N, C-alpha and C. Protein backbone atom coordinates (compact mmCIF):
# COMPACT_ATOMS: atom_id res chain seq x y z
N MET A 1 17.15 -31.97 -148.56
CA MET A 1 17.00 -30.56 -148.36
C MET A 1 17.82 -30.12 -147.13
N TRP A 2 17.80 -30.93 -146.09
CA TRP A 2 18.53 -30.59 -144.87
C TRP A 2 20.02 -30.50 -145.16
N TYR A 3 20.54 -31.46 -145.90
CA TYR A 3 21.96 -31.46 -146.23
C TYR A 3 22.33 -30.25 -147.08
N LEU A 4 21.48 -29.91 -148.05
CA LEU A 4 21.75 -28.77 -148.90
C LEU A 4 21.67 -27.45 -148.13
N ALA A 5 20.78 -27.38 -147.14
CA ALA A 5 20.60 -26.14 -146.39
C ALA A 5 21.75 -25.88 -145.43
N ILE A 6 22.37 -26.93 -144.89
CA ILE A 6 23.42 -26.69 -143.90
C ILE A 6 24.83 -26.95 -144.41
N LYS A 7 24.96 -27.41 -145.62
CA LYS A 7 26.27 -27.80 -146.14
C LYS A 7 27.28 -26.66 -146.12
N ASP A 8 26.91 -25.50 -146.63
CA ASP A 8 27.86 -24.39 -146.77
C ASP A 8 27.61 -23.25 -145.79
N ILE A 9 26.69 -23.40 -144.86
CA ILE A 9 26.38 -22.32 -143.93
C ILE A 9 26.65 -22.81 -142.51
N PRO A 10 27.79 -22.43 -141.94
CA PRO A 10 28.14 -22.92 -140.61
C PRO A 10 27.17 -22.46 -139.51
N LEU A 11 26.59 -21.27 -139.66
CA LEU A 11 25.66 -20.77 -138.65
C LEU A 11 24.43 -21.66 -138.57
N VAL A 12 23.91 -22.09 -139.72
CA VAL A 12 22.75 -22.98 -139.74
C VAL A 12 23.13 -24.34 -139.16
N GLU A 13 24.35 -24.78 -139.41
CA GLU A 13 24.79 -26.07 -138.87
C GLU A 13 24.88 -26.04 -137.35
N THR A 14 25.24 -24.89 -136.78
CA THR A 14 25.28 -24.82 -135.31
C THR A 14 23.87 -24.82 -134.73
N TRP A 15 22.90 -24.21 -135.41
CA TRP A 15 21.52 -24.22 -134.93
C TRP A 15 20.87 -25.58 -135.13
N PHE A 16 21.08 -26.14 -136.30
CA PHE A 16 20.44 -27.41 -136.66
C PHE A 16 21.52 -28.44 -136.97
N GLY A 17 22.15 -28.95 -135.94
CA GLY A 17 23.19 -29.96 -136.14
C GLY A 17 22.62 -31.30 -136.55
N HIS A 18 21.36 -31.52 -136.26
CA HIS A 18 20.70 -32.78 -136.60
C HIS A 18 19.45 -32.50 -137.40
N PHE A 19 18.92 -33.55 -137.99
CA PHE A 19 17.78 -33.41 -138.87
C PHE A 19 16.49 -33.08 -138.12
N VAL A 20 16.27 -33.63 -136.94
CA VAL A 20 15.00 -33.47 -136.22
C VAL A 20 14.72 -32.00 -135.87
N PRO A 21 15.68 -31.25 -135.29
CA PRO A 21 15.37 -29.83 -135.02
C PRO A 21 15.12 -29.03 -136.30
N PHE A 22 15.85 -29.38 -137.36
CA PHE A 22 15.65 -28.71 -138.64
C PHE A 22 14.24 -28.99 -139.17
N ALA A 23 13.79 -30.23 -139.13
CA ALA A 23 12.46 -30.59 -139.61
C ALA A 23 11.38 -29.95 -138.76
N ALA A 24 11.58 -29.91 -137.45
CA ALA A 24 10.58 -29.29 -136.57
C ALA A 24 10.47 -27.80 -136.85
N ALA A 25 11.59 -27.12 -136.98
CA ALA A 25 11.56 -25.68 -137.26
C ALA A 25 10.95 -25.40 -138.63
N LEU A 26 11.32 -26.21 -139.61
CA LEU A 26 10.77 -26.03 -140.95
C LEU A 26 9.26 -26.26 -140.95
N THR A 27 8.79 -27.24 -140.19
CA THR A 27 7.36 -27.51 -140.12
C THR A 27 6.63 -26.39 -139.40
N LEU A 28 7.17 -25.93 -138.28
CA LEU A 28 6.50 -24.89 -137.50
C LEU A 28 6.47 -23.54 -138.20
N VAL A 29 7.49 -23.24 -138.97
CA VAL A 29 7.56 -21.95 -139.67
C VAL A 29 7.06 -22.07 -141.10
N GLY A 30 7.47 -23.12 -141.78
CA GLY A 30 7.15 -23.25 -143.20
C GLY A 30 5.69 -23.48 -143.50
N THR A 31 5.02 -24.26 -142.66
CA THR A 31 3.61 -24.55 -142.91
C THR A 31 2.74 -23.30 -142.82
N PRO A 32 2.81 -22.52 -141.73
CA PRO A 32 1.98 -21.30 -141.69
C PRO A 32 2.34 -20.29 -142.79
N VAL A 33 3.62 -20.15 -143.09
CA VAL A 33 4.03 -19.22 -144.15
C VAL A 33 3.46 -19.67 -145.49
N SER A 34 3.49 -20.97 -145.77
CA SER A 34 2.95 -21.48 -147.03
C SER A 34 1.45 -21.28 -147.12
N ILE A 35 0.75 -21.53 -146.01
CA ILE A 35 -0.70 -21.35 -146.01
C ILE A 35 -1.07 -19.89 -146.21
N ILE A 36 -0.42 -19.00 -145.49
CA ILE A 36 -0.73 -17.57 -145.60
C ILE A 36 -0.40 -17.03 -146.98
N SER A 37 0.75 -17.41 -147.52
CA SER A 37 1.10 -16.91 -148.85
C SER A 37 0.16 -17.48 -149.92
N GLY A 38 -0.28 -18.72 -149.77
CA GLY A 38 -1.24 -19.29 -150.71
C GLY A 38 -2.59 -18.61 -150.63
N TRP A 39 -3.04 -18.29 -149.41
CA TRP A 39 -4.31 -17.60 -149.22
C TRP A 39 -4.27 -16.21 -149.84
N ILE A 40 -3.16 -15.49 -149.62
CA ILE A 40 -3.01 -14.15 -150.20
C ILE A 40 -3.00 -14.23 -151.73
N HIS A 41 -2.28 -15.20 -152.26
CA HIS A 41 -2.23 -15.38 -153.71
C HIS A 41 -3.63 -15.68 -154.27
N TYR A 42 -4.38 -16.54 -153.59
CA TYR A 42 -5.72 -16.91 -154.04
C TYR A 42 -6.65 -15.71 -154.00
N LYS A 43 -6.58 -14.91 -152.95
CA LYS A 43 -7.46 -13.74 -152.84
C LYS A 43 -7.15 -12.69 -153.91
N ARG A 44 -5.91 -12.59 -154.31
CA ARG A 44 -5.53 -11.58 -155.31
C ARG A 44 -5.71 -12.06 -156.74
N SER A 45 -5.94 -13.35 -156.93
CA SER A 45 -6.03 -13.86 -158.29
C SER A 45 -7.38 -13.52 -158.91
N PRO A 46 -7.42 -13.31 -160.23
CA PRO A 46 -8.69 -13.00 -160.90
C PRO A 46 -9.70 -14.14 -160.81
N ALA A 47 -9.24 -15.36 -160.62
CA ALA A 47 -10.15 -16.49 -160.54
C ALA A 47 -11.06 -16.38 -159.32
N TYR A 48 -10.54 -15.87 -158.23
CA TYR A 48 -11.35 -15.73 -157.01
C TYR A 48 -12.48 -14.74 -157.22
N THR A 49 -12.18 -13.58 -157.77
CA THR A 49 -13.24 -12.58 -157.97
C THR A 49 -14.25 -13.06 -159.00
N SER A 50 -13.81 -13.75 -160.03
CA SER A 50 -14.75 -14.29 -161.02
C SER A 50 -15.65 -15.34 -160.39
N GLU A 51 -15.09 -16.17 -159.54
CA GLU A 51 -15.88 -17.21 -158.88
C GLU A 51 -16.94 -16.59 -157.97
N ILE A 52 -16.58 -15.55 -157.25
CA ILE A 52 -17.52 -14.88 -156.37
C ILE A 52 -18.64 -14.23 -157.20
N ASP A 53 -18.30 -13.59 -158.31
CA ASP A 53 -19.31 -12.98 -159.17
C ASP A 53 -20.31 -14.01 -159.67
N ILE A 54 -19.82 -15.16 -160.08
CA ILE A 54 -20.69 -16.22 -160.59
C ILE A 54 -21.59 -16.75 -159.48
N GLN A 55 -21.05 -16.94 -158.28
CA GLN A 55 -21.85 -17.43 -157.17
C GLN A 55 -22.94 -16.45 -156.79
N VAL A 56 -22.63 -15.16 -156.79
CA VAL A 56 -23.62 -14.15 -156.44
C VAL A 56 -24.76 -14.15 -157.45
N GLU A 57 -24.44 -14.27 -158.72
CA GLU A 57 -25.46 -14.26 -159.75
C GLU A 57 -26.27 -15.54 -159.78
N ALA A 58 -25.64 -16.67 -159.46
CA ALA A 58 -26.30 -17.96 -159.60
C ALA A 58 -27.06 -18.39 -158.35
N ASN A 59 -26.75 -17.84 -157.20
CA ASN A 59 -27.33 -18.32 -155.96
C ASN A 59 -28.43 -17.39 -155.47
N PRO A 60 -29.70 -17.80 -155.57
CA PRO A 60 -30.79 -16.92 -155.13
C PRO A 60 -30.84 -16.75 -153.62
N TYR A 61 -30.20 -17.63 -152.88
CA TYR A 61 -30.25 -17.55 -151.42
C TYR A 61 -29.36 -16.46 -150.86
N ASN A 62 -28.63 -15.74 -151.70
CA ASN A 62 -27.91 -14.58 -151.22
C ASN A 62 -28.87 -13.46 -150.85
N TYR A 63 -30.09 -13.48 -151.39
CA TYR A 63 -31.06 -12.41 -151.16
C TYR A 63 -32.36 -12.92 -150.56
N LYS A 64 -32.44 -14.22 -150.29
CA LYS A 64 -33.64 -14.83 -149.71
C LYS A 64 -33.24 -15.62 -148.48
N LEU A 65 -34.22 -16.02 -147.71
CA LEU A 65 -33.96 -16.90 -146.58
C LEU A 65 -33.77 -18.32 -147.07
N VAL A 66 -32.87 -19.03 -146.45
CA VAL A 66 -32.64 -20.42 -146.79
C VAL A 66 -33.79 -21.23 -146.20
N PRO A 67 -34.40 -22.11 -146.99
CA PRO A 67 -35.49 -22.93 -146.46
C PRO A 67 -35.00 -23.78 -145.28
N GLY A 68 -35.91 -24.03 -144.36
CA GLY A 68 -35.55 -24.84 -143.20
C GLY A 68 -35.45 -23.99 -141.95
N LYS A 69 -34.34 -24.10 -141.27
CA LYS A 69 -34.18 -23.43 -139.98
C LYS A 69 -34.24 -21.92 -140.08
N GLU A 70 -33.79 -21.35 -141.18
CA GLU A 70 -33.86 -19.88 -141.35
C GLU A 70 -35.31 -19.40 -141.36
N VAL A 71 -36.15 -20.07 -142.12
CA VAL A 71 -37.55 -19.67 -142.26
C VAL A 71 -38.37 -20.08 -141.04
N GLU A 72 -38.10 -21.26 -140.52
CA GLU A 72 -38.92 -21.80 -139.44
C GLU A 72 -38.54 -21.28 -138.06
N ALA A 73 -37.28 -20.97 -137.83
CA ALA A 73 -36.86 -20.62 -136.47
C ALA A 73 -36.18 -19.26 -136.36
N PHE A 74 -35.13 -19.05 -137.13
CA PHE A 74 -34.30 -17.86 -136.90
C PHE A 74 -35.00 -16.55 -137.26
N ALA A 75 -35.55 -16.45 -138.45
CA ALA A 75 -36.18 -15.20 -138.87
C ALA A 75 -37.39 -14.84 -138.00
N PRO A 76 -38.29 -15.80 -137.66
CA PRO A 76 -39.38 -15.43 -136.75
C PRO A 76 -38.88 -14.98 -135.37
N THR A 77 -37.81 -15.59 -134.90
CA THR A 77 -37.24 -15.18 -133.62
C THR A 77 -36.69 -13.77 -133.71
N TYR A 78 -35.97 -13.45 -134.77
CA TYR A 78 -35.43 -12.10 -134.95
C TYR A 78 -36.56 -11.07 -135.03
N LEU A 79 -37.60 -11.42 -135.77
CA LEU A 79 -38.73 -10.50 -135.92
C LEU A 79 -39.41 -10.25 -134.57
N GLU A 80 -39.64 -11.30 -133.81
CA GLU A 80 -40.29 -11.14 -132.52
C GLU A 80 -39.40 -10.36 -131.55
N LEU A 81 -38.11 -10.61 -131.56
CA LEU A 81 -37.20 -9.85 -130.71
C LEU A 81 -37.19 -8.37 -131.10
N LEU A 82 -37.24 -8.09 -132.37
CA LEU A 82 -37.26 -6.71 -132.84
C LEU A 82 -38.55 -6.01 -132.40
N ARG A 83 -39.66 -6.71 -132.50
CA ARG A 83 -40.92 -6.13 -132.07
C ARG A 83 -40.95 -5.88 -130.56
N LEU A 84 -40.47 -6.85 -129.78
CA LEU A 84 -40.44 -6.69 -128.33
C LEU A 84 -39.49 -5.56 -127.92
N LEU A 85 -38.36 -5.47 -128.59
CA LEU A 85 -37.41 -4.39 -128.29
C LEU A 85 -38.01 -3.03 -128.61
N ARG A 86 -38.73 -2.96 -129.73
CA ARG A 86 -39.38 -1.69 -130.08
C ARG A 86 -40.41 -1.30 -129.02
N LYS A 87 -41.21 -2.27 -128.58
CA LYS A 87 -42.20 -1.98 -127.53
C LYS A 87 -41.52 -1.48 -126.26
N LEU A 88 -40.47 -2.15 -125.87
CA LEU A 88 -39.75 -1.77 -124.66
C LEU A 88 -39.16 -0.37 -124.78
N MET A 89 -38.53 -0.11 -125.90
CA MET A 89 -37.91 1.20 -126.12
C MET A 89 -38.96 2.31 -126.21
N GLU A 90 -40.11 2.02 -126.84
CA GLU A 90 -41.17 3.02 -126.92
C GLU A 90 -41.76 3.31 -125.54
N SER A 91 -41.93 2.27 -124.72
CA SER A 91 -42.50 2.49 -123.39
C SER A 91 -41.55 3.30 -122.50
N GLN A 92 -40.27 3.19 -122.75
CA GLN A 92 -39.28 3.95 -122.00
C GLN A 92 -38.99 5.31 -122.64
N LYS A 93 -39.65 5.57 -123.76
CA LYS A 93 -39.47 6.82 -124.52
C LYS A 93 -38.00 7.05 -124.88
N MET A 94 -37.38 6.00 -125.39
CA MET A 94 -35.96 6.05 -125.74
C MET A 94 -35.72 6.05 -127.24
N LEU A 95 -36.78 6.07 -128.05
CA LEU A 95 -36.63 6.04 -129.51
C LEU A 95 -36.93 7.41 -130.10
N ASP A 96 -36.09 7.83 -131.02
CA ASP A 96 -36.43 9.02 -131.79
C ASP A 96 -37.04 8.57 -133.12
N ASN A 97 -37.44 9.50 -133.94
CA ASN A 97 -38.13 9.17 -135.20
C ASN A 97 -37.24 8.40 -136.16
N VAL A 98 -35.97 8.71 -136.21
CA VAL A 98 -35.04 8.03 -137.13
C VAL A 98 -34.89 6.56 -136.73
N GLU A 99 -34.71 6.32 -135.44
CA GLU A 99 -34.56 4.95 -134.96
C GLU A 99 -35.85 4.15 -135.15
N LEU A 100 -36.98 4.77 -134.90
CA LEU A 100 -38.26 4.09 -135.10
C LEU A 100 -38.45 3.74 -136.58
N ALA A 101 -38.10 4.64 -137.46
CA ALA A 101 -38.21 4.37 -138.90
C ALA A 101 -37.29 3.22 -139.31
N GLU A 102 -36.10 3.16 -138.75
CA GLU A 102 -35.16 2.07 -139.07
C GLU A 102 -35.70 0.73 -138.58
N ILE A 103 -36.25 0.70 -137.38
CA ILE A 103 -36.82 -0.55 -136.85
C ILE A 103 -38.00 -0.98 -137.71
N THR A 104 -38.84 -0.04 -138.11
CA THR A 104 -39.99 -0.36 -138.96
C THR A 104 -39.53 -0.91 -140.31
N ARG A 105 -38.48 -0.31 -140.85
CA ARG A 105 -37.92 -0.79 -142.13
C ARG A 105 -37.39 -2.21 -141.99
N LEU A 106 -36.69 -2.49 -140.90
CA LEU A 106 -36.16 -3.84 -140.68
C LEU A 106 -37.29 -4.86 -140.48
N GLU A 107 -38.33 -4.46 -139.78
CA GLU A 107 -39.48 -5.35 -139.59
C GLU A 107 -40.12 -5.70 -140.93
N SER A 108 -40.27 -4.71 -141.79
CA SER A 108 -40.89 -4.98 -143.08
C SER A 108 -40.01 -5.88 -143.94
N LYS A 109 -38.69 -5.72 -143.85
CA LYS A 109 -37.80 -6.60 -144.60
C LYS A 109 -37.89 -8.04 -144.09
N LEU A 110 -37.93 -8.20 -142.78
CA LEU A 110 -38.05 -9.55 -142.22
C LEU A 110 -39.38 -10.19 -142.61
N GLN A 111 -40.46 -9.41 -142.59
CA GLN A 111 -41.76 -9.94 -143.00
C GLN A 111 -41.75 -10.34 -144.48
N LEU A 112 -41.10 -9.54 -145.30
CA LEU A 112 -40.99 -9.86 -146.72
C LEU A 112 -40.20 -11.15 -146.92
N LEU A 113 -39.11 -11.30 -146.20
CA LEU A 113 -38.32 -12.53 -146.31
C LEU A 113 -39.10 -13.75 -145.84
N LEU A 114 -39.84 -13.60 -144.75
CA LEU A 114 -40.64 -14.72 -144.26
C LEU A 114 -41.75 -15.11 -145.23
N ALA A 115 -42.23 -14.15 -146.00
CA ALA A 115 -43.27 -14.43 -146.99
C ALA A 115 -42.69 -15.04 -148.26
N GLY A 116 -41.36 -15.20 -148.32
CA GLY A 116 -40.73 -15.79 -149.50
C GLY A 116 -40.18 -14.78 -150.46
N GLY A 117 -40.21 -13.52 -150.09
CA GLY A 117 -39.71 -12.47 -150.97
C GLY A 117 -38.19 -12.37 -150.93
N MET A 118 -37.71 -11.36 -151.59
CA MET A 118 -36.27 -11.16 -151.73
C MET A 118 -35.93 -9.72 -151.33
N THR A 119 -34.87 -9.55 -150.57
CA THR A 119 -34.41 -8.19 -150.22
C THR A 119 -33.15 -7.89 -151.01
N GLY A 120 -32.85 -6.64 -151.13
CA GLY A 120 -31.67 -6.25 -151.89
C GLY A 120 -31.96 -6.34 -153.38
N SER A 121 -30.91 -6.21 -154.15
CA SER A 121 -31.07 -6.32 -155.58
C SER A 121 -29.92 -7.16 -156.13
N PRO A 122 -30.22 -8.37 -156.57
CA PRO A 122 -29.15 -9.22 -157.09
C PRO A 122 -28.51 -8.59 -158.32
N ARG A 123 -27.22 -8.74 -158.39
CA ARG A 123 -26.48 -8.19 -159.51
C ARG A 123 -26.65 -9.07 -160.72
N ARG A 124 -26.90 -8.50 -161.82
CA ARG A 124 -27.04 -9.26 -163.07
C ARG A 124 -25.79 -9.06 -163.91
N GLY A 125 -25.52 -10.04 -164.75
CA GLY A 125 -24.35 -9.96 -165.62
C GLY A 125 -24.38 -8.74 -166.50
N SER A 126 -23.21 -8.17 -166.73
CA SER A 126 -23.16 -6.95 -167.55
C SER A 126 -22.72 -7.25 -168.95
């Protein structure tokens, strides 16, 4: 490839008179360009969107808490932080009715998730 690239182009031969600089430049430029163009191609292909649709329909954990650390540690921590923040904000009289309603809604969703329920509405096949 190096010989074919510099054979008829004198400007390239002056930049890359030897194989090592040519290989280094090709590696430094060609690898990121190949990765980015492949990623763009993959994102635009119909296979990617079909795969995502199937995963959303097949995976119940998109709308539930994952068993283990999510249920045992993270969600209870988030719920307690939300409750403490609400108390603090109420004592400082910094909450209006809209914000209080939003915090209450989030608390109820977290409680539902901790009880094993599901939030949102999973998409079903059409």
